[in-house]
Protein backbone atom coordinates (compact mmCIF):
# COMPACT_ATOMS: atom_id res chain seq x y z
CA MET A 1 83.95 87.04 75.79
CA LYS A 2 86.45 89.94 76.37
CA THR A 3 84.80 93.39 76.03
CA GLN A 4 86.27 95.94 73.26
CA LEU A 5 85.58 99.34 73.51
CA ILE A 6 86.20 101.73 70.32
CA PHE A 7 86.40 105.73 71.00
CA ARG A 8 85.78 108.00 68.09
CA GLU A 9 86.14 111.59 69.60
CA ASN A 10 83.81 111.53 72.65
CA LYS A 11 81.57 108.57 71.45
CA VAL A 12 81.65 104.98 72.79
CA PHE A 13 81.02 101.75 70.46
CA LEU A 14 81.48 98.55 71.40
CA ALA A 15 83.12 96.24 69.27
CA ALA A 16 81.11 93.69 67.27
CA LYS A 17 81.37 90.97 64.30
CA ASP A 18 78.99 92.91 61.76
CA LYS A 19 79.20 96.87 62.88
CA ASP A 20 80.31 98.61 66.00
CA LEU A 21 77.53 99.83 68.36
CA TYR A 22 76.99 103.18 69.47
CA LEU A 23 77.03 103.06 73.62
CA GLY A 24 77.16 106.40 74.67
CA THR A 25 79.34 109.13 74.92
CA ILE A 26 81.71 110.73 77.70
CA ARG A 27 81.73 114.60 78.69
CA ASP A 28 83.23 115.73 82.01
CA SER A 29 83.63 112.50 83.60
CA VAL A 30 80.01 111.07 82.88
CA PHE A 31 78.99 108.45 80.25
CA HIS A 32 76.04 109.64 78.95
CA CYS A 33 73.43 106.95 77.02
CA LYS A 34 69.97 106.68 75.85
CA ARG A 35 67.84 103.46 76.28
CA ASN A 36 64.27 101.83 75.81
CA SER A 37 63.16 100.15 78.71
CA GLN A 38 61.30 97.72 76.44
CA ILE A 39 64.91 96.37 74.75
CA HIS A 40 67.31 97.09 77.42
CA TYR A 41 65.57 96.71 81.33
CA PHE A 42 66.73 93.81 82.94
CA ARG A 43 63.30 92.56 84.54
CA LEU A 44 64.48 89.25 86.67
CA TYR A 45 67.47 92.26 88.29
CA THR A 46 64.88 95.18 87.75
CA GLY A 47 67.61 97.88 86.45
CA TYR A 48 69.92 98.17 83.58
CA GLY A 49 73.18 97.08 82.85
CA PHE A 50 76.65 98.07 81.78
CA THR A 51 79.31 96.68 79.79
CA SER A 52 82.23 95.93 82.54
CA GLY A 53 84.92 97.76 79.49
CA LEU A 54 83.45 101.01 80.66
CA LEU A 55 83.69 100.75 84.77
CA LYS A 56 87.38 99.70 83.99
CA LEU A 57 87.59 103.31 82.36
CA GLU A 58 89.05 106.18 84.27
CA ALA A 59 87.55 109.03 82.58
CA VAL A 60 84.11 107.57 83.96
CA GLU A 61 83.04 108.37 87.44
CA TYR A 62 79.48 109.02 86.79
CA PHE A 63 76.67 106.88 84.91
CA HIS A 64 73.28 109.08 83.29
CA VAL A 65 70.92 106.71 81.51
CA TYR A 66 68.11 108.37 79.97
CA ILE A 67 65.23 106.50 79.68
CA ILE A 68 63.69 107.25 76.31
CA ASP A 69 60.51 106.14 76.36
CA GLU A 70 59.40 107.09 79.38
CA ASN A 71 61.34 110.54 79.74
CA LYS A 72 63.09 110.03 83.04
CA ASN A 73 66.83 110.26 83.80
CA LEU A 74 68.90 108.10 86.28
CA TRP A 75 72.12 108.93 87.41
CA THR A 76 74.85 106.81 89.72
CA SER A 77 78.63 106.55 90.30
CA LYS A 78 80.63 103.85 89.21
CA GLU A 79 81.45 103.38 92.72
CA ILE A 80 77.98 102.38 93.03
CA ILE A 81 77.37 100.09 90.30
CA LEU A 82 80.81 98.43 91.61
CA LYS A 83 79.31 98.00 94.81
CA HIS A 84 76.17 97.00 94.31
CA GLY A 85 75.74 95.73 90.91
CA ILE A 86 75.30 92.50 89.56
CA LYS A 87 77.89 90.94 87.60
CA ARG A 88 76.53 88.71 84.49
CA GLN A 89 78.34 86.86 81.74
CA PHE A 90 75.48 85.93 78.93
CA LYS A 91 76.38 83.64 76.33
CA ASN A 92 77.55 85.55 72.74
CA TYR A 93 77.74 89.02 74.76
CA GLU A 94 80.07 91.08 76.53
CA SER A 95 79.64 90.78 80.89
CA GLN A 96 77.75 93.52 82.41
CA TYR A 97 76.95 95.25 85.69
CA ILE A 98 73.28 95.23 86.06
CA LEU A 99 72.56 97.95 88.79
CA SER A 100 68.83 97.70 90.27
CA LEU A 101 66.70 100.70 90.00
CA GLU A 102 66.66 101.41 93.62
CA PHE A 103 70.47 102.21 93.29
CA PHE A 104 69.80 105.37 90.55
CA LYS A 105 69.32 109.01 91.27
CA SER A 106 66.86 111.09 89.34
CA ASN A 107 69.65 113.59 89.00
CA LYS A 108 73.55 114.22 88.83
CA GLU A 109 73.49 116.02 92.56
CA GLU A 110 72.27 113.06 94.31
CA ALA A 111 74.57 110.46 92.84
CA VAL A 112 77.61 113.01 93.85
CA LYS A 113 76.22 113.56 97.26
CA GLU A 114 75.96 109.26 97.33
CA PHE A 115 79.12 108.58 96.18
CA LEU A 116 80.94 111.26 98.61
CA PHE A 117 79.02 109.67 101.45
CA LEU A 118 80.66 106.73 100.50
CA LYS A 119 84.11 107.79 99.79
CA SER A 120 83.57 109.41 103.86
CA ILE A 121 82.26 105.92 104.75
CA GLU A 122 85.49 104.42 103.35
CA ARG A 123 87.77 106.83 104.70
CA ASN A 124 86.39 106.27 108.47
CA LYS A 125 86.91 102.74 108.09
CA VAL A 126 90.63 103.07 106.95
CA PHE A 127 91.36 105.31 109.67
CA GLN A 128 89.92 102.94 112.26
CA GLU A 129 91.47 100.54 111.08
CA SER A 130 94.59 102.22 111.44
CA LEU A 131 93.73 102.90 114.97
CA PHE A 132 93.38 99.19 115.66
CA SER A 133 96.01 97.74 114.12
CA GLU A 134 98.56 100.33 116.15
CA VAL A 135 97.14 99.39 119.19
CA SER A 136 97.56 95.35 118.65
């Protein structure tokens, strides 16, 4: 099933047969959503899912999930979801990336630090590869 996102101002909806499902809002490159662990928590993967369409949006770099029933904030980056998320296609639903709780941070600052750290490793890897290719 192909994911179709609908945007109304800064709100994001998933197109569905009967009515559009509200997913969350986008502000300052952050996708904000509220979830209930009793409904949205994937026990098999010990984490939460994000529709693959959200990960294709250039306007989104970070994800903030507020777990209503636990009064808990979870933060991560698009990079972390793409790197560590488990992609799953559930029958009659959009494809999702499920990210285990171990990869979430408790605040945005920690998520940004992790994102920047991953980017620096990536840059160093590219730099080292270019050095070795010049020697060959």
